[in-house]
Amino acid sequence: METTIRYQFSETIWKHEGTGGWYFVSLPNSLSKEIREHLRWQEEGWGRMKARAQLKGLEWQTAIWFDTKRDTYLLPIKAEVRRKTDVGINEWIDLILWI
C-alpha cells in the first residue's frame, strides 16, 4: 500500500512568460522546504516529483518540479483543469496536494 502525505494550501495561478505560456502555482516556501527536506529522495530528473492534486473537487495525477530560481516547487495547472474548474491567471485558489 502506497503511503501519501496530504498538503493543503492557497496560492495564485501565474503564467510563465516563455514559449508555450504554461500556468503554474508556486507552492508556499515553507511547504516546499518541508517537502524537499523529507521527500527529496522521491525526486526524479530535474527535481520532478510525482503527485496528485485537487482543485474545486477535481482530482488529477500530476507532478511538481523544484525551481531553483524561485527556490520552491511548481505545480503546473493544465488547460483542461483550468477550464473544468473555471479558474484563471492571478486567481487565488485552494489546493490539496498528495505526495
C-alpha atoms as a PDB file:
ATOM      1  CA  MET A   1       0.000   0.000   0.000  1.00  0.00           C
ATOM      2  CA  GLU A   2       1.368   3.404  -1.033  1.00  0.00           C
ATOM      3  CA  THR A   3       1.616   5.993   1.725  1.00  0.00           C
ATOM      4  CA  THR A   4       0.974   9.600   0.793  1.00  0.00           C
ATOM      5  CA  ILE A   5       1.225  12.859   2.664  1.00  0.00           C
ATOM      6  CA  ARG A   6      -1.569  15.398   2.234  1.00  0.00           C
ATOM      7  CA  TYR A   7      -0.827  19.111   1.974  1.00  0.00           C
ATOM      8  CA  GLN A   8      -3.444  21.847   1.759  1.00  0.00           C
ATOM      9  CA  PHE A   9      -2.661  25.438   0.778  1.00  0.00           C
ATOM     10  CA  SER A  10      -3.899  28.528  -1.068  1.00  0.00           C
ATOM     11  CA  GLU A  11      -1.934  30.378  -3.752  1.00  0.00           C
ATOM     12  CA  THR A  12      -2.427  32.280  -7.007  1.00  0.00           C
ATOM     13  CA  ILE A  13      -2.096  30.966 -10.542  1.00  0.00           C
ATOM     14  CA  TRP A  14       0.576  32.639 -12.666  1.00  0.00           C
ATOM     15  CA  LYS A  15       1.634  32.286 -16.283  1.00  0.00           C
ATOM     16  CA  HIS A  16       5.204  31.639 -17.393  1.00  0.00           C
ATOM     17  CA  GLU A  17       6.209  34.191 -19.993  1.00  0.00           C
ATOM     18  CA  GLY A  18       8.322  31.781 -22.015  1.00  0.00           C
ATOM     19  CA  THR A  19       7.403  29.676 -25.031  1.00  0.00           C
ATOM     20  CA  GLY A  20       4.138  27.827 -24.564  1.00  0.00           C
ATOM     21  CA  GLY A  21       2.902  30.007 -21.706  1.00  0.00           C
ATOM     22  CA  TRP A  22       2.448  27.311 -19.069  1.00  0.00           C
ATOM     23  CA  TYR A  23       0.345  28.104 -15.992  1.00  0.00           C
ATOM     24  CA  PHE A  24       1.656  27.283 -12.531  1.00  0.00           C
ATOM     25  CA  VAL A  25       1.077  27.617  -8.826  1.00  0.00           C
ATOM     26  CA  SER A  26       4.189  28.124  -6.710  1.00  0.00           C
ATOM     27  CA  LEU A  27       3.966  26.109  -3.511  1.00  0.00           C
ATOM     28  CA  PRO A  28       4.465  28.186  -0.358  1.00  0.00           C
ATOM     29  CA  ASN A  29       8.167  28.348   0.529  1.00  0.00           C
ATOM     30  CA  SER A  30       7.655  26.746   3.942  1.00  0.00           C
ATOM     31  CA  LEU A  31       5.783  23.841   2.348  1.00  0.00           C
ATOM     32  CA  SER A  32       8.436  23.404  -0.349  1.00  0.00           C
ATOM     33  CA  LYS A  33      11.163  23.405   2.274  1.00  0.00           C
ATOM     34  CA  GLU A  34       9.368  20.668   4.237  1.00  0.00           C
ATOM     35  CA  ILE A  35       8.793  18.547   1.127  1.00  0.00           C
ATOM     36  CA  ARG A  36      12.383  18.963  -0.059  1.00  0.00           C
ATOM     37  CA  GLU A  37      13.745  18.161   3.398  1.00  0.00           C
ATOM     38  CA  HIS A  38      11.751  14.961   3.902  1.00  0.00           C
ATOM     39  CA  LEU A  39      10.764  13.689   0.447  1.00  0.00           C
ATOM     40  CA  ARG A  40      13.579  14.757  -1.866  1.00  0.00           C
ATOM     41  CA  TRP A  41      14.529  11.100  -2.253  1.00  0.00           C
ATOM     42  CA  GLN A  42      11.356  10.731  -4.374  1.00  0.00           C
ATOM     43  CA  GLU A  43      12.536  13.276  -6.934  1.00  0.00           C
ATOM     44  CA  GLU A  44      13.232  12.070 -10.433  1.00  0.00           C
ATOM     45  CA  GLY A  45      15.135  14.015 -13.110  1.00  0.00           C
ATOM     46  CA  TRP A  46      15.074  17.830 -13.000  1.00  0.00           C
ATOM     47  CA  GLY A  47      13.603  17.871  -9.483  1.00  0.00           C
ATOM     48  CA  ARG A  48      10.349  16.236 -10.648  1.00  0.00           C
ATOM     49  CA  MET A  49       8.204  14.531  -8.035  1.00  0.00           C
ATOM     50  CA  LYS A  50       5.010  12.602  -8.761  1.00  0.00           C
ATOM     51  CA  ALA A  51       1.922  13.967  -7.038  1.00  0.00           C
ATOM     52  CA  ARG A  52      -1.868  14.035  -7.063  1.00  0.00           C
ATOM     53  CA  ALA A  53      -3.703  17.350  -6.861  1.00  0.00           C
ATOM     54  CA  GLN A  54      -7.236  18.551  -6.215  1.00  0.00           C
ATOM     55  CA  LEU A  55      -8.806  21.874  -7.134  1.00  0.00           C
ATOM     56  CA  LYS A  56     -12.516  22.618  -6.587  1.00  0.00           C
ATOM     57  CA  GLY A  57     -13.233  18.897  -6.223  1.00  0.00           C
ATOM     58  CA  LEU A  58     -11.412  17.939  -9.446  1.00  0.00           C
ATOM     59  CA  GLU A  59      -8.580  15.499  -8.781  1.00  0.00           C
ATOM     60  CA  TRP A  60      -5.772  14.624 -11.211  1.00  0.00           C
ATOM     61  CA  GLN A  61      -2.403  12.880 -11.400  1.00  0.00           C
ATOM     62  CA  THR A  62       0.453  15.313 -11.932  1.00  0.00           C
ATOM     63  CA  ALA A  63       3.930  16.186 -10.734  1.00  0.00           C
ATOM     64  CA  ILE A  64       5.660  19.102  -9.079  1.00  0.00           C
ATOM     65  CA  TRP A  65       9.058  20.434 -10.141  1.00  0.00           C
ATOM     66  CA  PHE A  66      11.622  22.163  -7.971  1.00  0.00           C
ATOM     67  CA  ASP A  67      12.515  25.568  -9.416  1.00  0.00           C
ATOM     68  CA  THR A  68      15.963  26.606  -8.202  1.00  0.00           C
ATOM     69  CA  LYS A  69      15.413  30.243  -9.281  1.00  0.00           C
ATOM     70  CA  ARG A  70      12.285  30.579  -7.142  1.00  0.00           C
ATOM     71  CA  ASP A  71      13.535  28.105  -4.511  1.00  0.00           C
ATOM     72  CA  THR A  72      10.164  26.385  -4.450  1.00  0.00           C
ATOM     73  CA  TYR A  73       8.197  23.615  -6.129  1.00  0.00           C
ATOM     74  CA  LEU A  74       5.909  24.472  -9.031  1.00  0.00           C
ATOM     75  CA  LEU A  75       2.602  22.762  -9.735  1.00  0.00           C
ATOM     76  CA  PRO A  76       1.510  23.042 -13.383  1.00  0.00           C
ATOM     77  CA  ILE A  77      -2.197  23.748 -13.888  1.00  0.00           C
ATOM     78  CA  LYS A  78      -3.026  22.456 -17.355  1.00  0.00           C
ATOM     79  CA  ALA A  79      -5.696  23.972 -19.610  1.00  0.00           C
ATOM     80  CA  GLU A  80      -8.156  21.124 -19.061  1.00  0.00           C
ATOM     81  CA  VAL A  81      -8.039  21.635 -15.277  1.00  0.00           C
ATOM     82  CA  ARG A  82      -8.400  25.419 -15.596  1.00  0.00           C
ATOM     83  CA  ARG A  83     -11.365  25.000 -17.946  1.00  0.00           C
ATOM     84  CA  LYS A  84     -13.173  22.399 -15.814  1.00  0.00           C
ATOM     85  CA  THR A  85     -12.699  24.420 -12.603  1.00  0.00           C
ATOM     86  CA  ASP A  86     -13.200  27.847 -14.222  1.00  0.00           C
ATOM     87  CA  VAL A  87     -10.025  29.406 -12.794  1.00  0.00           C
ATOM     88  CA  GLY A  88      -7.687  31.897 -14.414  1.00  0.00           C
ATOM     89  CA  ILE A  89      -4.446  33.792 -14.099  1.00  0.00           C
ATOM     90  CA  ASN A  90      -3.815  35.668 -10.828  1.00  0.00           C
ATOM     91  CA  GLU A  91      -6.775  33.907  -9.203  1.00  0.00           C
ATOM     92  CA  TRP A  92      -6.357  32.833  -5.577  1.00  0.00           C
ATOM     93  CA  ILE A  93      -7.171  29.108  -5.341  1.00  0.00           C
ATOM     94  CA  ASP A  94      -7.349  26.424  -2.643  1.00  0.00           C
ATOM     95  CA  LEU A  95      -5.463  23.233  -3.448  1.00  0.00           C
ATOM     96  CA  ILE A  96      -4.872  19.833  -1.943  1.00  0.00           C
ATOM     97  CA  LEU A  97      -1.694  18.010  -2.907  1.00  0.00           C
ATOM     98  CA  TRP A  98      -0.747  14.414  -2.110  1.00  0.00           C
ATOM     99  CA  ILE A  99       2.833  13.203  -2.404  1.00  0.00           C
END
